[in-house]
């Protein structure tokens, strides 16, 4: 989770849009999850959701939920969403100085980032812009063949890619790679 105080620099209008964005996104994800479970469906990739272009800094990839990740965080996501209901409904005032609000919005955003696999940064916030996050690690004793922390064919846009690894030994003919990407298009 990021420092929720990065949200305190936002103006009231952007913070209000941010509250609506995380509240609506969480609601949509939880609704789809419930419908899938009622239908007896297996976890599958959900349809992409439109990103909040008016509130997000950067250009996130289409927001496609990881159903397995959603299953893990659904209870906490529902709880945090309930905490925001008064703000989202306009009953409670949204102010950048409300630390409890900032902590709740940041926590819910963190869960959304985990489910969508990308960063969601609001306009005016001092953090990396919105976009995909790809991270991997490998920790092995001996590498006899090839060990790669992150392998990808193509990365487009402003993605954050990080691979890290540790190997005790790499045998002759072995290869140990942190990140292996064929093509990067930084559009």
N, C-alpha and C. Protein backbone atom coordinates (compact mmCIF):
# COMPACT_ATOMS: atom_id res chain seq x y z
N UNK A 1 0.84 -1.17 0.00
CA UNK A 1 0.00 0.00 0.00
C UNK A 1 0.89 1.24 0.00
N UNK A 2 0.45 2.23 -0.74
CA UNK A 2 1.18 3.50 -0.79
C UNK A 2 0.91 4.29 0.48
N UNK A 3 1.57 5.42 0.59
CA UNK A 3 1.31 6.30 1.71
C UNK A 3 0.00 7.03 1.44
N UNK A 4 -1.03 6.84 2.28
CA UNK A 4 -2.31 7.48 2.01
C UNK A 4 -2.23 9.00 2.01
N UNK A 5 -1.16 9.56 2.59
CA UNK A 5 -1.03 11.01 2.60
C UNK A 5 -0.77 11.57 1.22
N UNK A 6 -0.36 10.74 0.25
CA UNK A 6 -0.21 11.25 -1.12
C UNK A 6 -1.56 11.71 -1.64
N UNK A 7 -2.63 11.18 -1.08
CA UNK A 7 -3.98 11.59 -1.49
C UNK A 7 -4.35 12.96 -0.93
N UNK A 8 -3.70 13.38 0.15
CA UNK A 8 -4.06 14.64 0.79
C UNK A 8 -3.73 15.86 -0.07
N UNK A 9 -2.87 15.70 -1.05
CA UNK A 9 -2.52 16.82 -1.93
C UNK A 9 -3.57 17.05 -3.00
N UNK A 10 -4.49 16.11 -3.14
CA UNK A 10 -5.51 16.25 -4.17
C UNK A 10 -6.52 17.32 -3.80
N UNK A 11 -7.02 18.00 -4.79
CA UNK A 11 -8.10 18.94 -4.56
C UNK A 11 -9.38 18.18 -4.25
N UNK A 12 -10.34 18.88 -3.68
CA UNK A 12 -11.60 18.25 -3.30
C UNK A 12 -12.31 17.57 -4.45
N UNK A 13 -12.29 18.19 -5.64
CA UNK A 13 -12.99 17.61 -6.79
C UNK A 13 -12.35 16.30 -7.22
N UNK A 14 -11.01 16.26 -7.30
CA UNK A 14 -10.33 15.02 -7.72
C UNK A 14 -10.49 13.94 -6.66
N UNK A 15 -10.40 14.31 -5.39
CA UNK A 15 -10.59 13.32 -4.33
C UNK A 15 -12.01 12.77 -4.37
N UNK A 16 -13.00 13.63 -4.62
CA UNK A 16 -14.38 13.17 -4.74
C UNK A 16 -14.51 12.18 -5.89
N UNK A 17 -13.89 12.51 -7.03
CA UNK A 17 -13.91 11.58 -8.17
C UNK A 17 -13.19 10.28 -7.82
N UNK A 18 -12.10 10.39 -7.06
CA UNK A 18 -11.36 9.20 -6.65
C UNK A 18 -12.19 8.29 -5.76
N UNK A 19 -12.91 8.88 -4.81
CA UNK A 19 -13.79 8.10 -3.94
C UNK A 19 -14.84 7.38 -4.79
N UNK A 20 -15.47 8.11 -5.70
CA UNK A 20 -16.47 7.50 -6.58
C UNK A 20 -15.87 6.38 -7.42
N UNK A 21 -14.67 6.62 -7.93
CA UNK A 21 -14.02 5.62 -8.78
C UNK A 21 -13.78 4.31 -8.02
N UNK A 22 -13.12 4.38 -6.86
CA UNK A 22 -12.81 3.14 -6.14
C UNK A 22 -14.09 2.47 -5.63
N UNK A 23 -15.07 3.26 -5.20
CA UNK A 23 -16.34 2.74 -4.71
C UNK A 23 -17.08 2.00 -5.83
N UNK A 24 -17.18 2.65 -7.00
CA UNK A 24 -17.88 2.04 -8.14
C UNK A 24 -17.15 0.81 -8.67
N UNK A 25 -15.82 0.89 -8.78
CA UNK A 25 -15.06 -0.25 -9.28
C UNK A 25 -15.23 -1.46 -8.37
N UNK A 26 -15.12 -1.23 -7.06
CA UNK A 26 -15.27 -2.33 -6.10
C UNK A 26 -16.68 -2.91 -6.19
N UNK A 27 -17.67 -2.06 -6.30
CA UNK A 27 -19.05 -2.54 -6.41
C UNK A 27 -19.26 -3.40 -7.64
N UNK A 28 -18.73 -2.96 -8.76
CA UNK A 28 -18.87 -3.72 -10.00
C UNK A 28 -18.17 -5.08 -9.90
N UNK A 29 -16.97 -5.09 -9.35
CA UNK A 29 -16.24 -6.35 -9.19
C UNK A 29 -16.99 -7.32 -8.27
N UNK A 30 -17.47 -6.81 -7.16
CA UNK A 30 -18.18 -7.67 -6.20
C UNK A 30 -19.50 -8.18 -6.78
N UNK A 31 -20.21 -7.35 -7.55
CA UNK A 31 -21.45 -7.77 -8.22
C UNK A 31 -21.17 -8.90 -9.20
N UNK A 32 -20.16 -8.69 -10.04
CA UNK A 32 -19.81 -9.72 -11.04
C UNK A 32 -19.41 -11.02 -10.36
N UNK A 33 -18.68 -10.92 -9.27
CA UNK A 33 -18.24 -12.11 -8.53
C UNK A 33 -19.45 -12.86 -7.98
N UNK A 34 -20.40 -12.12 -7.39
CA UNK A 34 -21.61 -12.75 -6.85
C UNK A 34 -22.40 -13.43 -7.96
N UNK A 35 -22.59 -12.76 -9.09
CA UNK A 35 -23.32 -13.33 -10.22
C UNK A 35 -22.65 -14.59 -10.74
N UNK A 36 -21.32 -14.56 -10.81
CA UNK A 36 -20.58 -15.74 -11.28
C UNK A 36 -20.79 -16.91 -10.33
N UNK A 37 -20.72 -16.63 -9.05
CA UNK A 37 -20.88 -17.69 -8.04
C UNK A 37 -22.31 -18.24 -8.05
N UNK A 38 -23.31 -17.36 -8.19
CA UNK A 38 -24.70 -17.81 -8.23
C UNK A 38 -24.97 -18.69 -9.44
N UNK A 39 -24.29 -18.39 -10.54
CA UNK A 39 -24.45 -19.17 -11.76
C UNK A 39 -23.62 -20.46 -11.72
N UNK A 40 -22.84 -20.62 -10.65
CA UNK A 40 -22.00 -21.82 -10.53
C UNK A 40 -20.81 -21.81 -11.46
N UNK A 41 -20.44 -20.63 -11.92
CA UNK A 41 -19.34 -20.51 -12.87
C UNK A 41 -17.98 -20.63 -12.21
N UNK A 42 -17.05 -21.12 -12.96
CA UNK A 42 -15.66 -21.19 -12.53
C UNK A 42 -15.03 -19.83 -12.70
N UNK A 43 -13.98 -19.56 -11.93
CA UNK A 43 -13.29 -18.28 -12.12
C UNK A 43 -12.76 -18.16 -13.55
N UNK A 44 -13.06 -17.05 -14.14
CA UNK A 44 -12.55 -16.76 -15.48
C UNK A 44 -12.27 -15.28 -15.57
N UNK A 45 -11.49 -14.91 -16.55
CA UNK A 45 -11.15 -13.49 -16.71
C UNK A 45 -12.43 -12.70 -16.99
N UNK A 46 -12.63 -11.65 -16.26
CA UNK A 46 -13.81 -10.80 -16.45
C UNK A 46 -13.61 -9.92 -17.66
N UNK A 47 -14.71 -9.36 -18.13
CA UNK A 47 -14.63 -8.42 -19.24
C UNK A 47 -13.93 -7.16 -18.76
N UNK A 48 -13.20 -6.50 -19.66
CA UNK A 48 -12.52 -5.26 -19.26
C UNK A 48 -13.52 -4.21 -18.80
N UNK A 49 -13.11 -3.40 -17.85
CA UNK A 49 -13.92 -2.31 -17.33
C UNK A 49 -13.27 -1.01 -17.79
N UNK A 50 -14.07 -0.02 -18.11
CA UNK A 50 -13.52 1.28 -18.50
C UNK A 50 -12.81 1.92 -17.32
N UNK A 51 -11.61 2.38 -17.56
CA UNK A 51 -10.85 3.09 -16.52
C UNK A 51 -11.37 4.51 -16.41
N UNK A 52 -11.23 5.10 -15.26
CA UNK A 52 -11.69 6.47 -15.01
C UNK A 52 -10.73 7.49 -15.59
N UNK A 53 -10.79 7.71 -16.89
CA UNK A 53 -9.87 8.62 -17.57
C UNK A 53 -9.88 10.02 -16.96
N UNK A 54 -11.03 10.44 -16.45
CA UNK A 54 -11.14 11.80 -15.91
C UNK A 54 -10.44 11.95 -14.57
N UNK A 55 -10.19 10.86 -13.87
CA UNK A 55 -9.60 10.95 -12.53
C UNK A 55 -8.20 10.34 -12.45
N UNK A 56 -7.86 9.45 -13.36
CA UNK A 56 -6.58 8.75 -13.28
C UNK A 56 -5.48 9.46 -14.05
N UNK A 57 -4.29 9.49 -13.46
CA UNK A 57 -3.10 10.00 -14.13
C UNK A 57 -2.49 8.85 -14.91
N UNK A 58 -2.03 9.10 -16.10
CA UNK A 58 -1.45 8.04 -16.93
C UNK A 58 -2.54 7.31 -17.69
N UNK A 59 -2.10 6.27 -18.40
CA UNK A 59 -3.04 5.50 -19.21
C UNK A 59 -2.97 4.04 -18.79
N UNK A 60 -3.89 3.62 -17.93
CA UNK A 60 -3.87 2.21 -17.56
C UNK A 60 -4.31 1.35 -18.73
N UNK A 61 -3.86 0.11 -18.73
CA UNK A 61 -4.36 -0.86 -19.70
C UNK A 61 -5.82 -1.13 -19.34
N UNK A 62 -6.57 -1.80 -20.22
CA UNK A 62 -7.94 -2.15 -19.84
C UNK A 62 -7.94 -2.87 -18.49
N UNK A 63 -8.90 -2.52 -17.66
CA UNK A 63 -8.97 -3.09 -16.32
C UNK A 63 -9.68 -4.44 -16.39
N UNK A 64 -8.88 -5.49 -16.33
CA UNK A 64 -9.39 -6.86 -16.37
C UNK A 64 -9.06 -7.51 -15.04
N UNK A 65 -10.09 -7.96 -14.35
CA UNK A 65 -9.92 -8.53 -13.02
C UNK A 65 -9.36 -9.94 -13.06
N UNK A 66 -8.50 -10.23 -12.11
CA UNK A 66 -8.02 -11.59 -11.88
C UNK A 66 -8.99 -12.20 -10.87
N UNK A 67 -9.85 -13.15 -11.31
CA UNK A 67 -10.87 -13.68 -10.41
C UNK A 67 -10.30 -14.37 -9.17
N UNK A 68 -9.16 -15.01 -9.30
CA UNK A 68 -8.55 -15.67 -8.13
C UNK A 68 -8.12 -14.63 -7.10
N UNK A 69 -7.52 -13.53 -7.57
CA UNK A 69 -7.11 -12.46 -6.65
C UNK A 69 -8.35 -11.83 -6.01
N UNK A 70 -9.41 -11.65 -6.79
CA UNK A 70 -10.64 -11.07 -6.25
C UNK A 70 -11.23 -11.97 -5.17
N UNK A 71 -11.20 -13.27 -5.38
CA UNK A 71 -11.72 -14.18 -4.36
C UNK A 71 -10.98 -14.02 -3.04
N UNK A 72 -9.68 -13.77 -3.11
CA UNK A 72 -8.87 -13.62 -1.90
C UNK A 72 -9.23 -12.34 -1.14
N UNK A 73 -9.50 -11.25 -1.85
CA UNK A 73 -9.68 -9.94 -1.19
C UNK A 73 -11.14 -9.49 -1.11
N UNK A 74 -12.08 -10.29 -1.59
CA UNK A 74 -13.47 -9.86 -1.68
C UNK A 74 -14.05 -9.40 -0.35
N UNK A 75 -13.79 -10.12 0.72
CA UNK A 75 -14.34 -9.74 2.02
C UNK A 75 -13.85 -8.39 2.48
N UNK A 76 -12.54 -8.16 2.39
CA UNK A 76 -11.97 -6.88 2.79
C UNK A 76 -12.43 -5.78 1.85
N UNK A 77 -12.55 -6.08 0.57
CA UNK A 77 -13.02 -5.08 -0.40
C UNK A 77 -14.44 -4.64 -0.05
N UNK A 78 -15.29 -5.58 0.28
CA UNK A 78 -16.67 -5.25 0.64
C UNK A 78 -16.71 -4.39 1.91
N UNK A 79 -15.88 -4.73 2.89
CA UNK A 79 -15.84 -3.97 4.14
C UNK A 79 -15.41 -2.52 3.89
N UNK A 80 -14.33 -2.34 3.11
CA UNK A 80 -13.84 -0.99 2.83
C UNK A 80 -14.85 -0.19 2.01
N UNK A 81 -15.52 -0.86 1.10
CA UNK A 81 -16.53 -0.19 0.28
C UNK A 81 -17.67 0.31 1.17
N UNK A 82 -18.08 -0.50 2.14
CA UNK A 82 -19.13 -0.07 3.08
C UNK A 82 -18.68 1.18 3.85
N UNK A 83 -17.40 1.23 4.23
CA UNK A 83 -16.88 2.40 4.95
C UNK A 83 -16.96 3.68 4.11
N UNK A 84 -16.93 3.53 2.80
CA UNK A 84 -16.98 4.70 1.91
C UNK A 84 -18.39 5.07 1.48
N UNK A 85 -19.38 4.28 1.84
CA UNK A 85 -20.73 4.48 1.30
C UNK A 85 -21.28 5.88 1.60
N UNK A 86 -21.09 6.38 2.82
CA UNK A 86 -21.60 7.72 3.15
C UNK A 86 -20.94 8.81 2.31
N UNK A 87 -19.66 8.65 2.02
CA UNK A 87 -18.94 9.62 1.18
C UNK A 87 -19.40 9.51 -0.27
N UNK A 88 -19.52 8.28 -0.76
CA UNK A 88 -19.91 8.07 -2.16
C UNK A 88 -21.34 8.53 -2.42
N UNK A 89 -22.19 8.41 -1.41
CA UNK A 89 -23.59 8.82 -1.55
C UNK A 89 -23.79 10.31 -1.31
N UNK A 90 -22.74 11.03 -0.91
CA UNK A 90 -22.84 12.46 -0.68
C UNK A 90 -23.38 12.83 0.68
N UNK A 91 -23.53 11.86 1.58
CA UNK A 91 -24.04 12.14 2.92
C UNK A 91 -22.95 12.76 3.78
N UNK A 92 -21.72 12.25 3.62
CA UNK A 92 -20.58 12.79 4.39
C UNK A 92 -19.71 13.62 3.47
N UNK A 93 -19.15 14.68 4.03
CA UNK A 93 -18.30 15.59 3.26
C UNK A 93 -16.93 14.97 3.00
N UNK A 94 -16.46 15.12 1.77
CA UNK A 94 -15.13 14.63 1.39
C UNK A 94 -14.16 15.78 1.49
N UNK A 95 -13.16 15.64 2.39
CA UNK A 95 -12.15 16.67 2.54
C UNK A 95 -10.77 16.03 2.55
N UNK A 96 -9.80 16.68 1.91
CA UNK A 96 -8.44 16.13 1.87
C UNK A 96 -7.79 15.97 3.24
N UNK A 97 -8.30 16.63 4.28
CA UNK A 97 -7.73 16.53 5.61
C UNK A 97 -8.29 15.37 6.45
N UNK A 98 -9.24 14.63 5.91
CA UNK A 98 -9.88 13.53 6.64
C UNK A 98 -8.99 12.28 6.52
N UNK A 99 -8.12 12.08 7.50
CA UNK A 99 -7.14 10.98 7.45
C UNK A 99 -7.81 9.61 7.35
N UNK A 100 -8.90 9.39 8.08
CA UNK A 100 -9.59 8.10 8.02
C UNK A 100 -10.09 7.83 6.59
N UNK A 101 -10.61 8.85 5.96
CA UNK A 101 -11.07 8.71 4.57
C UNK A 101 -9.91 8.36 3.66
N UNK A 102 -8.80 9.09 3.80
CA UNK A 102 -7.63 8.84 2.94
C UNK A 102 -7.11 7.42 3.10
N UNK A 103 -7.05 6.94 4.34
CA UNK A 103 -6.56 5.58 4.60
C UNK A 103 -7.49 4.56 3.96
N UNK A 104 -8.80 4.78 4.08
CA UNK A 104 -9.77 3.84 3.51
C UNK A 104 -9.70 3.84 1.98
N UNK A 105 -9.65 5.01 1.38
CA UNK A 105 -9.56 5.11 -0.09
C UNK A 105 -8.29 4.43 -0.58
N UNK A 106 -7.17 4.69 0.09
CA UNK A 106 -5.90 4.09 -0.32
C UNK A 106 -5.92 2.57 -0.16
N UNK A 107 -6.52 2.08 0.90
CA UNK A 107 -6.59 0.63 1.12
C UNK A 107 -7.46 -0.03 0.05
N UNK A 108 -8.59 0.58 -0.27
CA UNK A 108 -9.46 0.01 -1.30
C UNK A 108 -8.78 0.09 -2.66
N UNK A 109 -8.10 1.19 -2.93
CA UNK A 109 -7.36 1.31 -4.19
C UNK A 109 -6.29 0.21 -4.26
N UNK A 110 -5.60 -0.07 -3.16
CA UNK A 110 -4.59 -1.13 -3.15
C UNK A 110 -5.17 -2.48 -3.51
N UNK A 111 -6.37 -2.77 -3.02
CA UNK A 111 -7.02 -4.04 -3.37
C UNK A 111 -7.38 -4.06 -4.86
N UNK A 112 -7.88 -2.94 -5.37
CA UNK A 112 -8.19 -2.86 -6.80
C UNK A 112 -6.92 -3.06 -7.63
N UNK A 113 -5.82 -2.46 -7.19
CA UNK A 113 -4.55 -2.62 -7.92
C UNK A 113 -4.13 -4.09 -7.93
N UNK A 114 -4.33 -4.78 -6.83
CA UNK A 114 -3.97 -6.21 -6.77
C UNK A 114 -4.85 -7.02 -7.71
N UNK A 115 -6.12 -6.72 -7.76
CA UNK A 115 -7.06 -7.47 -8.61
C UNK A 115 -6.84 -7.15 -10.09
N UNK A 116 -6.55 -5.89 -10.40
CA UNK A 116 -6.35 -5.49 -11.80
C UNK A 116 -4.90 -5.66 -12.27
N UNK A 117 -3.97 -5.82 -11.34
CA UNK A 117 -2.57 -5.99 -11.72
C UNK A 117 -1.94 -4.74 -12.29
N UNK A 118 -2.41 -3.60 -11.86
CA UNK A 118 -1.80 -2.35 -12.30
C UNK A 118 -2.03 -1.24 -11.29
N UNK A 119 -1.20 -0.23 -11.43
CA UNK A 119 -1.23 0.92 -10.54
C UNK A 119 -2.39 1.83 -10.96
N UNK A 120 -3.09 2.40 -9.97
CA UNK A 120 -4.19 3.34 -10.22
C UNK A 120 -3.87 4.62 -9.45
N UNK A 121 -3.34 5.60 -10.16
CA UNK A 121 -2.90 6.86 -9.56
C UNK A 121 -3.86 7.97 -9.97
N UNK A 122 -4.27 8.78 -9.02
CA UNK A 122 -5.18 9.88 -9.31
C UNK A 122 -4.41 11.10 -9.81
N UNK A 123 -5.06 11.89 -10.67
CA UNK A 123 -4.45 13.12 -11.19
C UNK A 123 -3.99 14.00 -10.04
N UNK A 124 -2.76 14.50 -10.13
CA UNK A 124 -2.22 15.40 -9.12
C UNK A 124 -1.53 14.70 -7.96
N UNK A 125 -1.58 13.40 -7.94
CA UNK A 125 -0.97 12.64 -6.85
C UNK A 125 0.51 12.42 -7.14
N UNK A 126 1.34 12.46 -6.11
CA UNK A 126 2.79 12.30 -6.25
C UNK A 126 3.16 10.83 -6.14
N UNK A 127 2.92 10.08 -7.23
CA UNK A 127 3.32 8.68 -7.32
C UNK A 127 3.36 8.30 -8.79
N UNK A 128 3.91 7.16 -9.09
CA UNK A 128 4.00 6.71 -10.49
C UNK A 128 2.61 6.76 -11.13
N UNK A 129 2.54 7.11 -12.43
CA UNK A 129 1.23 7.16 -13.09
C UNK A 129 0.60 5.77 -13.20
N UNK A 130 -0.69 5.77 -13.48
CA UNK A 130 -1.43 4.53 -13.64
C UNK A 130 -0.83 3.70 -14.76
N UNK A 131 -0.89 2.40 -14.62
CA UNK A 131 -0.42 1.51 -15.66
C UNK A 131 -0.14 0.13 -15.12
N UNK A 132 0.11 -0.79 -16.05
CA UNK A 132 0.35 -2.18 -15.66
C UNK A 132 1.60 -2.35 -14.80
N UNK A 133 1.54 -3.31 -13.90
CA UNK A 133 2.67 -3.66 -13.05
C UNK A 133 2.95 -5.14 -13.24
N UNK A 134 4.17 -5.44 -13.64
CA UNK A 134 4.59 -6.84 -13.81
C UNK A 134 5.82 -7.04 -12.94
N UNK A 135 5.69 -7.91 -11.96
CA UNK A 135 6.80 -8.19 -11.07
C UNK A 135 6.93 -9.69 -10.90
N UNK A 136 8.14 -10.14 -10.80
CA UNK A 136 8.37 -11.56 -10.58
C UNK A 136 9.67 -11.78 -9.86
N UNK A 137 9.78 -12.92 -9.21
CA UNK A 137 11.02 -13.25 -8.54
C UNK A 137 11.24 -14.75 -8.64
N UNK A 138 12.49 -15.11 -8.60
CA UNK A 138 12.87 -16.52 -8.61
C UNK A 138 13.98 -16.70 -7.59
N UNK A 139 13.88 -17.76 -6.82
CA UNK A 139 14.86 -18.06 -5.78
C UNK A 139 15.14 -19.55 -5.88
N UNK A 140 16.33 -19.88 -6.39
CA UNK A 140 16.66 -21.29 -6.63
C UNK A 140 18.04 -21.62 -6.08
N UNK A 141 18.25 -22.89 -5.90
CA UNK A 141 19.57 -23.35 -5.46
C UNK A 141 20.53 -23.39 -6.63
N UNK A 142 20.28 -24.31 -7.55
CA UNK A 142 21.17 -24.50 -8.69
C UNK A 142 20.39 -24.38 -9.99
N UNK A 143 20.90 -23.58 -10.92
CA UNK A 143 20.27 -23.44 -12.24
C UNK A 143 21.02 -24.34 -13.20
N UNK A 144 20.30 -25.33 -13.74
CA UNK A 144 20.89 -26.24 -14.72
C UNK A 144 20.52 -25.83 -16.13
N UNK A 145 19.32 -25.26 -16.30
CA UNK A 145 18.85 -24.82 -17.61
C UNK A 145 18.69 -23.32 -17.62
N UNK A 146 17.44 -22.89 -17.68
CA UNK A 146 17.15 -21.45 -17.74
C UNK A 146 16.16 -21.09 -16.65
N UNK A 147 16.47 -20.06 -15.87
CA UNK A 147 15.58 -19.55 -14.84
C UNK A 147 15.33 -18.07 -15.13
N UNK A 148 14.03 -17.68 -15.20
CA UNK A 148 13.66 -16.31 -15.53
C UNK A 148 12.60 -15.84 -14.54
N UNK A 149 12.81 -14.66 -13.96
CA UNK A 149 11.83 -14.12 -13.02
C UNK A 149 10.61 -13.57 -13.75
N UNK A 150 10.81 -12.82 -14.85
CA UNK A 150 9.72 -12.28 -15.66
C UNK A 150 10.05 -12.52 -17.12
N UNK A 151 9.15 -13.17 -17.83
CA UNK A 151 9.32 -13.41 -19.26
C UNK A 151 8.08 -12.89 -19.97
N UNK A 152 8.26 -12.04 -20.98
CA UNK A 152 7.12 -11.50 -21.71
C UNK A 152 7.44 -11.31 -23.17
N UNK A 153 6.45 -11.45 -24.00
CA UNK A 153 6.61 -11.23 -25.42
C UNK A 153 6.69 -9.75 -25.73
N UNK A 154 5.73 -8.98 -25.20
CA UNK A 154 5.69 -7.54 -25.48
C UNK A 154 5.12 -6.80 -24.29
N UNK A 155 5.70 -5.65 -24.01
CA UNK A 155 5.20 -4.75 -22.99
C UNK A 155 4.91 -3.43 -23.69
N UNK A 156 3.67 -2.94 -23.54
CA UNK A 156 3.27 -1.69 -24.19
C UNK A 156 2.87 -0.67 -23.15
N UNK A 157 3.02 0.58 -23.49
CA UNK A 157 2.61 1.66 -22.60
C UNK A 157 3.61 1.87 -21.48
N UNK A 158 3.16 2.56 -20.46
CA UNK A 158 4.01 2.90 -19.33
C UNK A 158 3.87 1.84 -18.25
N UNK A 159 4.36 0.68 -18.53
CA UNK A 159 4.29 -0.42 -17.57
C UNK A 159 5.49 -0.39 -16.64
N UNK A 160 5.27 -0.86 -15.44
CA UNK A 160 6.34 -1.04 -14.47
C UNK A 160 6.70 -2.52 -14.50
N UNK A 161 7.93 -2.84 -14.87
CA UNK A 161 8.38 -4.23 -14.95
C UNK A 161 9.58 -4.40 -14.04
N UNK A 162 9.50 -5.40 -13.15
CA UNK A 162 10.61 -5.65 -12.24
C UNK A 162 10.77 -7.14 -12.06
N UNK A 163 11.99 -7.60 -12.23
CA UNK A 163 12.30 -9.00 -11.97
C UNK A 163 13.50 -9.08 -11.06
N UNK A 164 13.44 -9.97 -10.12
CA UNK A 164 14.58 -10.14 -9.23
C UNK A 164 14.76 -11.62 -8.97
N UNK A 165 15.98 -11.97 -8.66
CA UNK A 165 16.22 -13.38 -8.41
C UNK A 165 17.48 -13.63 -7.61
N UNK A 166 17.54 -14.85 -7.16
CA UNK A 166 18.70 -15.30 -6.39
C UNK A 166 18.94 -16.75 -6.76
N UNK A 167 20.18 -17.05 -7.04
CA UNK A 167 20.58 -18.43 -7.31
C UNK A 167 21.89 -18.69 -6.58
N UNK A 168 21.99 -19.85 -5.98
CA UNK A 168 23.23 -20.19 -5.31
C UNK A 168 24.32 -20.53 -6.33
N UNK A 169 23.92 -21.19 -7.40
CA UNK A 169 24.88 -21.59 -8.43
C UNK A 169 24.20 -21.66 -9.79
N UNK A 170 24.95 -21.29 -10.82
CA UNK A 170 24.49 -21.47 -12.20
C UNK A 170 25.49 -22.41 -12.85
N UNK A 171 25.03 -23.60 -13.20
CA UNK A 171 25.91 -24.61 -13.81
C UNK A 171 26.25 -24.24 -15.24
N UNK A 172 27.29 -24.84 -15.77
CA UNK A 172 27.72 -24.62 -17.15
C UNK A 172 26.55 -24.83 -18.10
N UNK A 173 26.33 -23.88 -18.98
CA UNK A 173 25.21 -23.95 -19.92
C UNK A 173 23.92 -23.40 -19.32
N UNK A 174 23.92 -23.10 -18.04
CA UNK A 174 22.74 -22.54 -17.40
C UNK A 174 22.63 -21.06 -17.65
N UNK A 175 21.43 -20.54 -17.48
CA UNK A 175 21.20 -19.11 -17.69
C UNK A 175 20.23 -18.62 -16.62
N UNK A 176 20.57 -17.50 -16.00
CA UNK A 176 19.76 -16.92 -14.94
C UNK A 176 19.42 -15.50 -15.34
N UNK A 177 18.12 -15.17 -15.49
CA UNK A 177 17.68 -13.89 -16.05
C UNK A 177 16.62 -13.27 -15.14
N UNK A 178 16.75 -11.99 -14.88
CA UNK A 178 15.74 -11.27 -14.10
C UNK A 178 14.52 -10.95 -14.95
N UNK A 179 14.72 -10.26 -16.08
CA UNK A 179 13.63 -9.86 -16.97
C UNK A 179 14.03 -10.19 -18.39
N UNK A 180 13.14 -10.87 -19.12
CA UNK A 180 13.38 -11.22 -20.51
C UNK A 180 12.14 -10.84 -21.31
N UNK A 181 12.24 -9.72 -22.04
CA UNK A 181 11.11 -9.22 -22.83
C UNK A 181 11.56 -9.03 -24.26
N UNK A 182 10.75 -9.55 -25.19
CA UNK A 182 11.09 -9.46 -26.61
C UNK A 182 11.01 -8.03 -27.14
N UNK A 183 9.96 -7.33 -26.77
CA UNK A 183 9.74 -5.99 -27.34
C UNK A 183 9.10 -5.09 -26.29
N UNK A 184 9.62 -3.88 -26.17
CA UNK A 184 9.03 -2.87 -25.28
C UNK A 184 8.63 -1.68 -26.13
N UNK A 185 7.35 -1.34 -26.06
CA UNK A 185 6.79 -0.19 -26.79
C UNK A 185 6.31 0.80 -25.75
N UNK A 186 7.07 1.84 -25.47
CA UNK A 186 6.78 2.78 -24.40
C UNK A 186 5.77 3.84 -24.73
N UNK A 187 4.96 3.68 -25.73
CA UNK A 187 3.96 4.67 -26.16
C UNK A 187 3.64 5.69 -25.14
